[in-house]
Amino acid sequence: MIMLLKLVWPSVLGLLVSVSVSHLTVSDIGARSATLHWEATTNTDHYRVTVSKTNGDLVKKFSVETGSKLKLKSRHLISNQGYTFKVQACQSDDSCSPSSKRKSFRTNPARVGSLTITATTSDAATVQISSKPRGTINSYQIKVRQAGSVIQTITKTTKTDQASPSYTITNLEGNTTYSITIRAKYNSTSVGSYSRPVEFTTDQPLSVTSSSPSSSYTDLEPTLEIVGTAFQDGATTMLDDMAANTTTVNSATSITALFDDGLATGTYTVTVTNPDSTSATLEDALTISNPPDEWSKETLSFSGSPRPLTSTCTILMPDNSTYRMYYIGSGGVWSTVSSDGITWSSPVTTTISDSGVQNPSVLRLAGGTYLMIYGVQTTEPMTERLFRATSTDGITFTEQTGSLTGGVVLLAESDEDDFVSVPELIQLADGSIRMYFVASTTNSNVHTAVSTDNGATWTREGQIDISGGPTGGQINDPDVVELADGTYRLFFTTPPADQSIGDLRIRSAISTDGRSFTLESGSRVIPATTVNALMDPDTILLKDTTDQYRLYYGGNLTAGGADDLRALFSQ
């Protein structure tokens, strides 16, 4: 019995290893990985696994000594590739059974490479694939998520042949964060894995949230400060169907738009249009009205003579109850007082009696001294230069010799026809004095100069600027008051907007710095049938008020004769 076993055993072993391995399967297939499985056989020392491409090219022969599976890694496989494998059961002497039947499998398509957002707008984004997976791709599937939820699934069939294709995703909301993932589709059953997500935020949408001012007038040039989002360089602005004269894009959130005068009364919609043709509107942004009414006219009463006719300067005395008016009369500069600004006492002389004296302006300085700057005018040719006088009581003044030729404190420059006139004085917060004055007889405009030594010497600042609407060809007779809020109101005479000279009326403008003014609508007063020109506004804040003013002015009578002094009361 023992002898028989020794003779049969080798043949039994040979019979066992000759049985082919069966039940081959593949699991965990990835783009460059797969796990190969087979049914284990008995009395096997190791397995020989042969992996080939579908076309027969050998990948590698593996020896598996334990278990009945083989994990293939990226160094052995490539994505989207067909493979086969077969298995043999082998003994320690490397004698092996016949090969199993081949098992086919295919690796998955590779994941789409990294994504880059190359452009965004308020409603779209362009995404670029850094490198497309290998193989013939039929389409890409794009998923768009917002706050973790899929809001769009898009299939793109174009550009699949490009190495780094780009796609634009539309129908997005502005100023919103999204993420995008993409996978490649080869056919209905071969689909790659989704890429890692790329996150982005769409641009702010174009919007107009506010516009100021909200009102203007038919005779002004509205300058609108428009606030919104996503303004682009080159944007244009409209009020209904009227284009802005200029549109300045200060930033993505700020526009300054200047419109011409002449807008009809009514309410207007502001529209901003970017160069990319997107637009945004703000309804009821601007209301245009007719100019305001003139100030109320008043009747003045004067005792004695000479009485003022024009070119007055009125101040409130330190008792805060008495107005004192300075003016030109026979024999020089005179003054008169009033408790109500309407009825005036008999005048007294200031002792300033230069021949040709004109246009006195008086300012009570912080130390209590009164400063007068006045003009001395000649005829044939007409010239005027400015002089200085001071007083301790505001009544009797003493001439102070200026440092310039002839004792002058301010002379005309070479292009100003030897003519500077109509001085107007205000004291600035730092204690210095600013003087407004008219220069030139042929091209009259208002200039300023500053003094830091109580009017003894002056440094010119140049011509003032008045914007915001059309004025006449000349700006004359400046009169400035500082308002309760620290801004300055300039009163001046000017012809109508379409005239270079004549038919003077009194208008006003506002400034925060006293140099650059913005025109106010309408005229404070215009010539009436008996008066063809108005002159020399002189404005005083009424005592015990913060916003009520009286304006004195001269009227040039149409029928001829002496000018007469008139007054207005602010509305």
Protein backbone atom coordinates (compact mmCIF):
# COMPACT_ATOMS: atom_id res chain seq x y z
CA MET A 1 0.00 0.00 0.00
CA ILE A 2 2.81 2.38 0.85
CA MET A 3 4.63 1.59 -2.40
CA LEU A 4 1.53 2.44 -4.39
CA LEU A 5 1.23 5.92 -2.88
CA LYS A 6 4.82 6.77 -3.75
CA LEU A 7 4.22 5.84 -7.33
CA VAL A 8 0.94 7.76 -7.73
CA TRP A 9 1.72 11.05 -5.85
CA PRO A 10 3.72 12.87 -8.50
CA SER A 11 1.06 12.33 -11.08
CA VAL A 12 -1.58 13.61 -8.69
CA LEU A 13 0.39 16.80 -8.12
CA GLY A 14 0.79 17.31 -11.83
CA LEU A 15 -2.91 16.82 -12.34
CA LEU A 16 -3.74 19.47 -9.72
CA VAL A 17 -1.58 22.23 -11.18
CA SER A 18 -2.75 21.57 -14.68
CA VAL A 19 -6.24 22.88 -13.80
CA SER A 20 -6.70 26.39 -15.28
CA VAL A 21 -7.42 29.29 -13.01
CA SER A 22 -11.02 30.52 -13.40
CA HIS A 23 -13.51 33.17 -12.34
CA LEU A 24 -11.41 36.18 -13.30
CA THR A 25 -12.90 39.54 -12.32
CA VAL A 26 -11.80 43.18 -12.09
CA SER A 27 -12.78 45.70 -9.41
CA ASP A 28 -11.92 49.24 -8.35
CA ILE A 29 -11.25 50.36 -11.89
CA GLY A 30 -9.94 53.90 -11.99
CA ALA A 31 -8.26 56.07 -14.57
CA ARG A 32 -4.88 54.45 -13.83
CA SER A 33 -5.67 51.68 -11.39
CA ALA A 34 -7.54 48.40 -11.16
CA THR A 35 -7.66 45.33 -8.92
CA LEU A 36 -7.54 41.93 -10.66
CA HIS A 37 -9.17 38.92 -8.99
CA TRP A 38 -9.31 35.15 -9.62
CA GLU A 39 -10.41 32.03 -7.80
CA ALA A 40 -7.62 30.53 -5.73
CA THR A 41 -6.42 27.03 -6.53
CA THR A 42 -5.08 24.45 -4.07
CA ASN A 43 -1.50 23.35 -3.77
CA THR A 44 -0.27 26.50 -5.57
CA ASP A 45 3.02 28.17 -4.73
CA HIS A 46 2.37 31.35 -6.68
CA TYR A 47 0.42 32.77 -9.59
CA ARG A 48 1.72 34.22 -12.81
CA VAL A 49 -0.42 37.14 -14.02
CA THR A 50 0.13 38.46 -17.51
CA VAL A 51 -1.27 41.92 -18.27
CA SER A 52 -1.45 43.19 -21.86
CA LYS A 53 -3.07 45.96 -23.78
CA THR A 54 -6.04 45.04 -25.89
CA ASN A 55 -3.87 45.18 -28.98
CA GLY A 56 -1.65 42.46 -27.50
CA ASP A 57 1.23 44.62 -26.35
CA LEU A 58 2.62 43.18 -23.14
CA VAL A 59 2.45 45.43 -20.12
CA LYS A 60 4.08 43.15 -17.57
CA LYS A 61 4.12 39.67 -16.10
CA PHE A 62 3.55 39.64 -12.37
CA SER A 63 4.24 36.96 -9.79
CA VAL A 64 1.70 36.88 -6.98
CA GLU A 65 2.90 34.72 -4.09
CA THR A 66 0.10 35.35 -1.60
CA GLY A 67 -3.60 35.80 -2.15
CA SER A 68 -5.60 35.73 -5.34
CA LYS A 69 -5.66 39.37 -6.41
CA LEU A 70 -3.34 41.95 -7.89
CA LYS A 71 -3.60 45.72 -7.48
CA LEU A 72 -2.35 47.58 -10.54
CA LYS A 73 -1.09 51.14 -10.04
CA SER A 74 -0.52 54.17 -12.23
CA ARG A 75 2.98 53.07 -13.26
CA HIS A 76 1.41 50.14 -15.09
CA LEU A 77 -1.83 51.57 -16.50
CA ILE A 78 -2.87 54.59 -18.46
CA SER A 79 -6.30 56.15 -18.56
CA ASN A 80 -9.03 55.22 -20.99
CA GLN A 81 -7.12 52.16 -22.24
CA GLY A 82 -8.32 48.61 -22.86
CA TYR A 83 -6.43 45.74 -21.18
CA THR A 84 -6.59 41.96 -20.77
CA PHE A 85 -5.11 39.70 -18.14
CA LYS A 86 -4.67 35.96 -17.73
CA VAL A 87 -3.52 33.87 -14.75
CA GLN A 88 -1.54 30.65 -14.32
CA ALA A 89 -1.18 28.64 -11.09
CA CYS A 90 2.47 27.69 -10.57
CA GLN A 91 4.56 25.42 -8.37
CA SER A 92 7.79 26.26 -6.65
CA ASP A 93 9.76 24.85 -9.57
CA ASP A 94 7.89 27.39 -11.73
CA SER A 95 5.92 24.72 -13.51
CA CYS A 96 2.51 26.28 -14.21
CA SER A 97 -0.95 25.30 -15.27
CA PRO A 98 -2.30 26.33 -18.63
CA SER A 99 -3.32 30.00 -18.79
CA SER A 100 -6.82 30.97 -17.85
CA LYS A 101 -9.12 32.59 -20.33
CA ARG A 102 -8.30 36.27 -20.81
CA LYS A 103 -10.36 38.83 -18.94
CA SER A 104 -10.79 42.22 -20.54
CA PHE A 105 -11.23 45.55 -18.78
CA ARG A 106 -10.81 49.21 -19.58
CA THR A 107 -9.46 51.94 -17.37
CA ASN A 108 -11.64 54.93 -16.81
CA PRO A 109 -11.06 58.21 -18.58
CA ALA A 110 -8.77 60.53 -16.64
CA ARG A 111 -10.13 63.33 -14.50
CA VAL A 112 -10.17 66.68 -16.26
CA GLY A 113 -7.07 68.67 -15.30
CA SER A 114 -7.08 71.81 -13.17
CA LEU A 115 -9.59 74.52 -14.04
CA THR A 116 -8.92 78.25 -14.34
CA ILE A 117 -11.47 81.05 -14.40
CA THR A 118 -10.18 83.39 -17.09
CA ALA A 119 -12.96 86.00 -17.08
CA THR A 120 -16.03 87.01 -15.14
CA THR A 121 -18.87 89.43 -15.67
CA SER A 122 -21.93 90.12 -13.58
CA ASP A 123 -23.83 87.24 -15.23
CA ALA A 124 -21.22 84.95 -16.77
CA ALA A 125 -17.82 83.32 -16.27
CA THR A 126 -15.31 81.68 -18.62
CA VAL A 127 -13.56 78.53 -17.43
CA GLN A 128 -10.51 76.98 -19.10
CA ILE A 129 -9.38 73.35 -18.81
CA SER A 130 -5.62 73.28 -18.27
CA SER A 131 -5.17 70.05 -20.23
CA LYS A 132 -7.75 67.71 -21.65
CA PRO A 133 -7.68 63.97 -20.84
CA ARG A 134 -6.36 61.56 -23.47
CA GLY A 135 -8.66 59.92 -25.91
CA THR A 136 -11.38 61.06 -28.25
CA ILE A 137 -13.74 63.19 -26.20
CA ASN A 138 -17.28 63.66 -27.44
CA SER A 139 -18.30 66.29 -24.91
CA TYR A 140 -17.68 67.83 -21.52
CA GLN A 141 -20.24 67.85 -18.75
CA ILE A 142 -20.12 70.92 -16.52
CA LYS A 143 -21.78 71.22 -13.14
CA VAL A 144 -22.31 74.65 -11.56
CA ARG A 145 -22.95 74.78 -7.82
CA GLN A 146 -24.07 77.60 -5.57
CA ALA A 147 -23.96 77.12 -1.79
CA GLY A 148 -23.34 73.40 -2.38
CA SER A 149 -26.38 72.80 -4.59
CA VAL A 150 -26.17 72.05 -8.30
CA ILE A 151 -27.96 74.82 -10.18
CA GLN A 152 -26.83 74.01 -13.73
CA THR A 153 -25.64 70.88 -15.55
CA ILE A 154 -24.39 71.77 -19.00
CA THR A 155 -23.08 69.60 -21.84
CA LYS A 156 -20.59 71.25 -24.19
CA THR A 157 -19.73 69.50 -27.45
CA THR A 158 -17.62 72.24 -29.04
CA LYS A 159 -13.84 72.65 -28.74
CA THR A 160 -13.37 69.03 -27.61
CA ASP A 161 -10.39 68.81 -29.94
CA GLN A 162 -8.52 71.66 -28.27
CA ALA A 163 -5.73 70.98 -25.81
CA SER A 164 -7.01 73.60 -23.35
CA PRO A 165 -10.60 74.37 -24.25
CA SER A 166 -12.56 77.26 -22.68
CA TYR A 167 -16.27 77.51 -22.05
CA THR A 168 -18.48 80.39 -20.97
CA ILE A 169 -21.15 79.75 -18.36
CA THR A 170 -24.09 82.16 -18.53
CA ASN A 171 -27.29 82.94 -16.62
CA LEU A 172 -25.43 83.63 -13.37
CA GLU A 173 -26.31 86.16 -10.70
CA GLY A 174 -24.07 89.15 -10.02
CA ASN A 175 -21.82 89.32 -6.97
CA THR A 176 -22.45 85.63 -6.19
CA THR A 177 -19.98 82.84 -5.40
CA TYR A 178 -20.12 79.65 -7.48
CA SER A 179 -18.02 76.52 -8.04
CA ILE A 180 -17.56 74.57 -11.26
CA THR A 181 -16.52 70.94 -11.89
CA ILE A 182 -16.08 69.31 -15.31
CA ARG A 183 -15.78 65.76 -16.58
CA ALA A 184 -15.09 64.32 -20.03
CA LYS A 185 -17.55 62.06 -21.85
CA TYR A 186 -16.23 59.70 -24.52
CA ASN A 187 -19.45 57.83 -25.25
CA SER A 188 -22.58 56.90 -23.40
CA THR A 189 -20.76 54.44 -21.15
CA SER A 190 -17.27 55.93 -20.94
CA VAL A 191 -17.30 58.93 -18.65
CA GLY A 192 -14.42 60.42 -16.69
CA SER A 193 -14.41 61.65 -13.13
CA TYR A 194 -15.31 65.21 -12.28
CA SER A 195 -12.44 67.61 -11.84
CA ARG A 196 -11.65 69.28 -8.59
CA PRO A 197 -13.90 72.32 -8.19
CA VAL A 198 -12.80 75.84 -8.98
CA GLU A 199 -14.53 78.64 -7.06
CA PHE A 200 -15.20 82.18 -8.28
CA THR A 201 -17.41 85.19 -7.61
CA THR A 202 -19.21 86.99 -10.39
CA ASP A 203 -18.75 90.71 -10.81
CA GLN A 204 -21.00 93.27 -9.25
CA PRO A 205 -23.86 93.94 -11.66
CA LEU A 206 -24.12 97.41 -13.17
CA SER A 207 -26.45 99.46 -11.02
CA VAL A 208 -27.33 103.06 -10.25
CA THR A 209 -28.26 103.47 -6.60
CA SER A 210 -28.33 107.24 -6.15
CA SER A 211 -27.82 110.55 -7.92
CA SER A 212 -27.40 114.00 -6.45
CA PRO A 213 -28.58 116.65 -6.53
CA SER A 214 -32.14 115.47 -6.95
CA SER A 215 -33.37 118.81 -8.27
CA SER A 216 -32.20 121.60 -10.56
CA TYR A 217 -33.53 124.35 -12.77
CA THR A 218 -34.04 125.04 -16.45
CA ASP A 219 -31.34 127.76 -16.49
CA LEU A 220 -28.59 125.67 -14.86
CA GLU A 221 -26.21 122.99 -16.11
CA PRO A 222 -26.86 120.07 -13.74
CA THR A 223 -23.76 118.26 -12.53
CA LEU A 224 -24.83 114.87 -11.21
CA GLU A 225 -22.80 112.78 -8.80
CA ILE A 226 -23.96 109.26 -9.58
CA VAL A 227 -23.32 106.34 -7.24
CA GLY A 228 -23.67 102.69 -8.21
CA THR A 229 -21.66 99.59 -9.07
CA ALA A 230 -19.66 98.20 -12.00
CA PHE A 231 -19.15 101.49 -13.84
CA GLN A 232 -16.62 101.02 -16.65
CA ASP A 233 -14.25 103.52 -18.22
CA GLY A 234 -15.99 104.97 -21.23
CA ALA A 235 -19.50 104.74 -19.75
CA THR A 236 -22.08 107.25 -20.97
CA THR A 237 -24.89 108.95 -19.08
CA MET A 238 -28.35 110.04 -20.18
CA LEU A 239 -31.20 112.03 -18.66
CA ASP A 240 -34.09 110.45 -20.52
CA ASP A 241 -32.97 111.04 -24.15
CA MET A 242 -30.44 113.82 -23.42
CA ALA A 243 -26.81 112.72 -23.33
CA ALA A 244 -24.46 114.23 -20.80
CA ASN A 245 -22.06 116.82 -22.11
CA THR A 246 -19.28 114.99 -20.25
CA THR A 247 -19.25 111.77 -18.23
CA THR A 248 -16.29 111.20 -15.93
CA VAL A 249 -15.95 107.73 -14.43
CA ASN A 250 -14.22 108.42 -11.13
CA SER A 251 -14.25 104.77 -10.07
CA ALA A 252 -16.32 101.61 -10.42
CA THR A 253 -18.82 103.16 -8.00
CA SER A 254 -18.77 106.87 -8.89
CA ILE A 255 -19.59 108.95 -11.97
CA THR A 256 -19.72 112.72 -12.45
CA ALA A 257 -21.98 113.75 -15.34
CA LEU A 258 -22.38 117.32 -16.61
CA PHE A 259 -25.47 118.23 -18.62
CA ASP A 260 -26.20 121.38 -20.61
CA ASP A 261 -28.77 123.89 -19.45
CA GLY A 262 -32.14 124.08 -21.10
CA LEU A 263 -33.74 120.92 -19.75
CA ALA A 264 -37.51 121.19 -19.76
CA THR A 265 -39.38 121.08 -16.47
CA GLY A 266 -40.24 117.58 -15.30
CA THR A 267 -38.77 114.45 -13.72
CA TYR A 268 -35.94 112.57 -15.41
CA THR A 269 -34.52 109.05 -15.35
CA VAL A 270 -30.74 108.62 -15.21
CA THR A 271 -29.32 105.86 -17.41
CA VAL A 272 -25.69 104.70 -17.32
CA THR A 273 -24.49 102.56 -20.22
CA ASN A 274 -21.16 100.74 -20.14
CA PRO A 275 -19.03 100.11 -23.23
CA ASP A 276 -20.14 96.45 -23.13
CA SER A 277 -23.71 97.72 -23.79
CA THR A 278 -25.03 96.85 -20.35
CA SER A 279 -27.10 99.63 -18.80
CA ALA A 280 -28.77 100.53 -15.54
CA THR A 281 -31.31 103.20 -14.67
CA LEU A 282 -32.54 105.20 -11.72
CA GLU A 283 -36.04 106.53 -12.13
CA ASP A 284 -37.13 109.91 -10.77
CA ALA A 285 -33.49 110.83 -10.30
CA LEU A 286 -33.74 114.53 -11.16
CA THR A 287 -36.57 117.05 -11.10
CA ILE A 288 -36.18 120.19 -13.22
CA SER A 289 -38.14 123.31 -12.22
CA ASN A 290 -38.44 126.86 -13.46
CA PRO A 291 -36.10 129.38 -11.76
CA PRO A 292 -37.22 130.67 -8.36
CA ASP A 293 -38.94 134.01 -7.97
CA GLU A 294 -37.04 137.20 -7.39
CA TRP A 295 -36.52 138.44 -3.86
CA SER A 296 -39.20 140.77 -2.47
CA LYS A 297 -38.68 144.43 -3.23
CA GLU A 298 -38.70 147.01 -0.44
CA THR A 299 -38.92 150.82 -0.28
CA LEU A 300 -36.13 152.74 1.46
CA SER A 301 -36.28 156.08 3.27
CA PHE A 302 -33.30 158.45 3.71
CA SER A 303 -32.96 161.70 5.67
CA GLY A 304 -30.67 164.55 4.70
CA SER A 305 -28.20 164.55 1.86
CA PRO A 306 -26.32 163.38 0.04
CA ARG A 307 -28.40 160.24 -0.21
CA PRO A 308 -26.94 156.95 -1.48
CA LEU A 309 -27.56 156.06 -5.10
CA THR A 310 -25.42 152.97 -5.62
CA SER A 311 -22.06 151.41 -4.64
CA THR A 312 -22.97 151.02 -0.99
CA CYS A 313 -21.36 148.86 1.70
CA THR A 314 -23.45 147.97 4.77
CA ILE A 315 -22.22 146.43 8.03
CA LEU A 316 -23.74 145.58 11.40
CA MET A 317 -22.10 147.54 14.19
CA PRO A 318 -20.74 145.90 17.40
CA ASP A 319 -23.95 146.69 19.30
CA ASN A 320 -25.68 144.14 17.01
CA SER A 321 -28.59 146.55 16.61
CA THR A 322 -27.31 149.30 14.32
CA TYR A 323 -26.66 149.04 10.59
CA ARG A 324 -24.12 151.44 9.08
CA MET A 325 -24.07 152.07 5.35
CA TYR A 326 -21.09 153.58 3.52
CA TYR A 327 -21.56 155.18 0.12
CA ILE A 328 -20.26 157.76 -2.32
CA GLY A 329 -21.76 161.23 -2.31
CA SER A 330 -20.72 164.75 -3.09
CA GLY A 331 -17.38 165.37 -1.40
CA GLY A 332 -16.32 161.76 -0.81
CA VAL A 333 -17.38 158.77 1.28
CA TRP A 334 -20.33 159.18 3.66
CA SER A 335 -22.09 156.94 6.14
CA THR A 336 -25.58 156.70 7.57
CA VAL A 337 -27.16 154.46 10.22
CA SER A 338 -30.43 152.60 10.64
CA SER A 339 -32.00 150.33 13.24
CA ASP A 340 -34.17 148.46 10.75
CA GLY A 341 -32.23 148.72 7.48
CA ILE A 342 -35.12 150.59 5.85
CA THR A 343 -35.20 154.07 7.39
CA TRP A 344 -31.85 155.83 7.47
CA SER A 345 -30.52 158.82 9.38
CA SER A 346 -28.85 161.95 8.02
CA PRO A 347 -25.37 161.06 6.73
CA VAL A 348 -21.98 162.02 8.17
CA THR A 349 -18.71 162.25 6.33
CA THR A 350 -15.94 159.69 6.82
CA THR A 351 -13.37 162.38 5.85
CA ILE A 352 -12.28 160.26 2.85
CA SER A 353 -12.63 162.90 0.17
CA ASP A 354 -10.18 162.04 -2.61
CA SER A 355 -11.21 163.31 -6.02
CA GLY A 356 -12.77 160.45 -7.97
CA VAL A 357 -13.31 158.25 -4.90
CA GLN A 358 -15.46 155.20 -5.70
CA ASN A 359 -16.82 151.94 -4.32
CA PRO A 360 -15.91 151.86 -0.62
CA SER A 361 -15.77 148.49 1.15
CA VAL A 362 -15.53 148.43 4.96
CA LEU A 363 -14.69 145.51 7.24
CA ARG A 364 -14.51 145.52 11.03
CA LEU A 365 -11.40 143.53 11.91
CA ALA A 366 -11.09 141.11 14.82
CA GLY A 367 -9.23 143.71 16.91
CA GLY A 368 -11.96 146.31 16.53
CA THR A 369 -10.28 148.44 13.85
CA TYR A 370 -12.30 149.30 10.74
CA LEU A 371 -10.59 148.80 7.39
CA MET A 372 -11.76 150.61 4.26
CA ILE A 373 -10.54 149.79 0.76
CA TYR A 374 -11.79 152.20 -1.87
CA GLY A 375 -11.09 153.13 -5.46
CA VAL A 376 -9.93 156.40 -6.95
CA GLN A 377 -11.08 156.75 -10.52
CA THR A 378 -9.97 159.02 -13.34
CA THR A 379 -11.65 159.73 -16.65
CA GLU A 380 -10.17 160.16 -20.11
CA PRO A 381 -8.75 157.62 -19.90
CA MET A 382 -10.75 155.77 -17.29
CA THR A 383 -8.53 154.23 -14.69
CA GLU A 384 -9.03 153.09 -11.13
CA ARG A 385 -6.64 152.07 -8.36
CA LEU A 386 -7.31 150.91 -4.83
CA PHE A 387 -6.38 152.72 -1.62
CA ARG A 388 -6.63 152.03 2.12
CA ALA A 389 -7.97 153.85 5.17
CA THR A 390 -8.61 152.83 8.79
CA SER A 391 -10.84 153.95 11.66
CA THR A 392 -11.28 153.20 15.34
CA ASP A 393 -15.01 153.99 15.46
CA GLY A 394 -16.22 153.18 11.95
CA ILE A 395 -17.14 156.83 11.35
CA THR A 396 -13.99 158.90 10.88
CA PHE A 397 -11.32 157.27 8.70
CA THR A 398 -7.66 158.11 8.15
CA GLU A 399 -5.97 157.42 4.83
CA GLN A 400 -3.07 154.97 5.04
CA THR A 401 -0.36 155.29 2.42
CA GLY A 402 0.10 152.08 0.48
CA SER A 403 3.43 150.56 -0.47
CA LEU A 404 2.85 150.89 -4.22
CA THR A 405 3.38 153.93 -6.42
CA GLY A 406 1.18 156.82 -5.36
CA GLY A 407 0.31 155.23 -2.04
CA VAL A 408 -1.78 152.56 -3.79
CA VAL A 409 -2.40 149.14 -2.21
CA LEU A 410 -3.52 147.36 -5.42
CA LEU A 411 -2.73 148.18 -9.05
CA ALA A 412 -4.01 146.63 -12.27
CA GLU A 413 -1.78 144.19 -14.07
CA SER A 414 -0.53 144.86 -17.59
CA ASP A 415 -3.55 143.35 -19.35
CA GLU A 416 -6.18 144.95 -17.09
CA ASP A 417 -6.44 148.43 -18.66
CA ASP A 418 -5.07 150.13 -15.52
CA PHE A 419 -8.42 149.40 -13.89
CA VAL A 420 -9.23 147.57 -10.65
CA SER A 421 -12.50 148.43 -8.96
CA VAL A 422 -15.44 147.47 -6.72
CA PRO A 423 -13.50 145.94 -3.80
CA GLU A 424 -15.34 143.59 -1.42
CA LEU A 425 -13.76 142.44 1.87
CA ILE A 426 -14.30 139.34 4.03
CA GLN A 427 -12.22 138.04 6.92
CA LEU A 428 -11.15 134.40 6.71
CA ALA A 429 -11.00 131.92 9.58
CA ASP A 430 -7.21 132.27 9.87
CA GLY A 431 -7.47 136.04 10.36
CA SER A 432 -6.34 136.96 6.85
CA ILE A 433 -8.49 139.14 4.61
CA ARG A 434 -9.70 138.22 1.16
CA MET A 435 -10.61 140.98 -1.26
CA TYR A 436 -12.80 140.43 -4.30
CA PHE A 437 -12.49 143.03 -7.04
CA VAL A 438 -13.19 143.63 -10.73
CA ALA A 439 -10.28 143.95 -13.15
CA SER A 440 -10.29 145.46 -16.67
CA THR A 441 -12.82 147.72 -18.38
CA THR A 442 -13.02 145.57 -21.52
CA ASN A 443 -13.18 142.06 -20.11
CA SER A 444 -14.58 142.48 -16.63
CA ASN A 445 -14.30 139.52 -14.31
CA VAL A 446 -13.92 139.02 -10.59
CA HIS A 447 -10.49 138.34 -9.09
CA THR A 448 -9.28 137.88 -5.51
CA ALA A 449 -6.29 138.87 -3.43
CA VAL A 450 -5.33 138.04 0.17
CA SER A 451 -3.74 140.19 2.86
CA THR A 452 -2.13 138.98 6.07
CA ASP A 453 -1.27 142.47 7.40
CA ASN A 454 -4.72 144.03 7.73
CA GLY A 455 -4.89 145.22 4.13
CA ALA A 456 -1.52 146.95 3.88
CA THR A 457 -0.26 144.60 1.17
CA TRP A 458 -2.02 142.10 -1.04
CA THR A 459 -1.15 138.87 -2.85
CA ARG A 460 -3.24 138.04 -5.87
CA GLU A 461 -5.00 134.66 -6.14
CA GLY A 462 -6.31 134.99 -9.70
CA GLN A 463 -9.74 135.04 -11.29
CA ILE A 464 -12.59 133.19 -9.59
CA ASP A 465 -14.47 130.38 -11.33
CA ILE A 466 -18.25 130.20 -11.74
CA SER A 467 -19.61 126.92 -13.14
CA GLY A 468 -22.95 125.20 -13.33
CA GLY A 469 -24.69 127.34 -15.92
CA PRO A 470 -24.34 130.11 -18.47
CA THR A 471 -23.77 133.71 -17.43
CA GLY A 472 -23.40 136.87 -19.48
CA GLY A 473 -20.19 137.99 -21.08
CA GLN A 474 -18.99 139.90 -18.01
CA ILE A 475 -19.03 139.36 -14.25
CA ASN A 476 -19.10 142.60 -12.23
CA ASP A 477 -19.75 144.12 -8.82
CA PRO A 478 -18.90 141.25 -6.45
CA ASP A 479 -20.52 141.10 -3.02
CA VAL A 480 -19.82 138.11 -0.75
CA VAL A 481 -21.45 136.92 2.46
CA GLU A 482 -20.41 133.99 4.60
CA LEU A 483 -23.41 131.79 5.40
CA ALA A 484 -24.17 130.07 8.71
CA ASP A 485 -22.82 126.74 7.40
CA GLY A 486 -19.45 128.25 6.45
CA THR A 487 -20.10 128.41 2.72
CA TYR A 488 -19.92 131.63 0.74
CA ARG A 489 -22.56 133.25 -1.44
CA LEU A 490 -21.38 135.61 -4.15
CA PHE A 491 -23.77 138.21 -5.55
CA PHE A 492 -22.76 139.79 -8.85
CA THR A 493 -24.12 141.60 -11.88
CA THR A 494 -24.07 140.07 -15.34
CA PRO A 495 -25.88 140.46 -18.67
CA PRO A 496 -28.27 137.75 -19.85
CA ALA A 497 -26.57 134.50 -20.83
CA ASP A 498 -26.71 135.35 -24.55
CA GLN A 499 -25.35 138.91 -24.21
CA SER A 500 -21.83 140.20 -23.74
CA ILE A 501 -22.82 143.46 -22.07
CA GLY A 502 -25.86 145.50 -21.03
CA ASP A 503 -29.20 144.74 -19.34
CA LEU A 504 -27.43 143.82 -16.10
CA ARG A 505 -29.23 141.72 -13.51
CA ILE A 506 -28.13 140.40 -10.11
CA ARG A 507 -27.39 136.70 -9.78
CA SER A 508 -25.69 134.58 -7.13
CA ALA A 509 -23.40 131.58 -6.76
CA ILE A 510 -22.30 129.31 -3.90
CA SER A 511 -18.79 128.18 -2.89
CA THR A 512 -17.18 126.13 -0.15
CA ASP A 513 -13.76 127.74 -0.54
CA GLY A 514 -14.61 131.27 -1.68
CA ARG A 515 -12.85 130.80 -5.02
CA SER A 516 -14.72 128.17 -7.02
CA PHE A 517 -18.43 128.97 -7.23
CA THR A 518 -21.49 127.11 -8.51
CA LEU A 519 -24.17 129.21 -10.14
CA GLU A 520 -27.58 129.42 -8.46
CA SER A 521 -30.77 129.42 -10.50
CA GLY A 522 -32.56 132.55 -11.53
CA SER A 523 -31.85 136.20 -10.77
CA ARG A 524 -32.30 137.80 -7.40
CA VAL A 525 -33.67 140.74 -9.36
CA ILE A 526 -33.83 141.67 -13.05
CA PRO A 527 -34.27 145.08 -14.74
CA ALA A 528 -37.85 146.38 -14.81
CA THR A 529 -39.47 148.60 -17.38
CA THR A 530 -38.04 151.80 -15.87
CA VAL A 531 -34.57 150.43 -15.19
CA ASN A 532 -32.24 149.05 -17.83
CA ALA A 533 -29.37 147.92 -15.62
CA LEU A 534 -28.83 146.94 -12.00
CA MET A 535 -25.56 147.56 -10.19
CA ASP A 536 -23.49 147.05 -7.07
CA PRO A 537 -25.26 144.49 -4.86
CA ASP A 538 -24.66 145.07 -1.13
CA THR A 539 -25.99 142.24 1.06
CA ILE A 540 -26.31 142.15 4.84
CA LEU A 541 -27.45 139.38 7.19
CA LEU A 542 -30.39 140.71 9.15
CA LYS A 543 -29.77 141.01 12.86
CA ASP A 544 -31.19 138.28 15.09
CA THR A 545 -31.47 135.90 12.10
CA THR A 546 -29.29 133.22 10.57
CA ASP A 547 -30.76 133.01 7.08
CA GLN A 548 -32.54 136.24 6.17
CA TYR A 549 -30.81 138.87 4.10
CA ARG A 550 -31.40 142.34 2.70
CA LEU A 551 -29.75 143.29 -0.58
CA TYR A 552 -29.25 146.92 -1.56
CA TYR A 553 -28.56 147.74 -5.19
CA GLY A 554 -28.51 150.61 -7.65
CA GLY A 555 -30.84 151.01 -10.59
CA ASN A 556 -29.87 152.73 -13.83
CA LEU A 557 -33.02 154.51 -14.96
CA THR A 558 -34.10 153.87 -18.54
CA ALA A 559 -35.23 157.50 -18.96
CA GLY A 560 -31.92 158.83 -17.69
CA GLY A 561 -31.12 160.79 -14.55
CA ALA A 562 -29.46 159.77 -11.30
CA ASP A 563 -29.39 156.17 -10.21
CA ASP A 564 -31.56 155.28 -7.26
CA LEU A 565 -30.89 152.87 -4.43
CA ARG A 566 -33.27 149.98 -3.98
CA ALA A 567 -33.56 147.00 -1.65
CA LEU A 568 -34.64 143.35 -1.72
CA PHE A 569 -35.61 141.04 1.10
CA SER A 570 -34.66 137.36 0.77
CA GLN A 571 -37.51 134.84 0.61
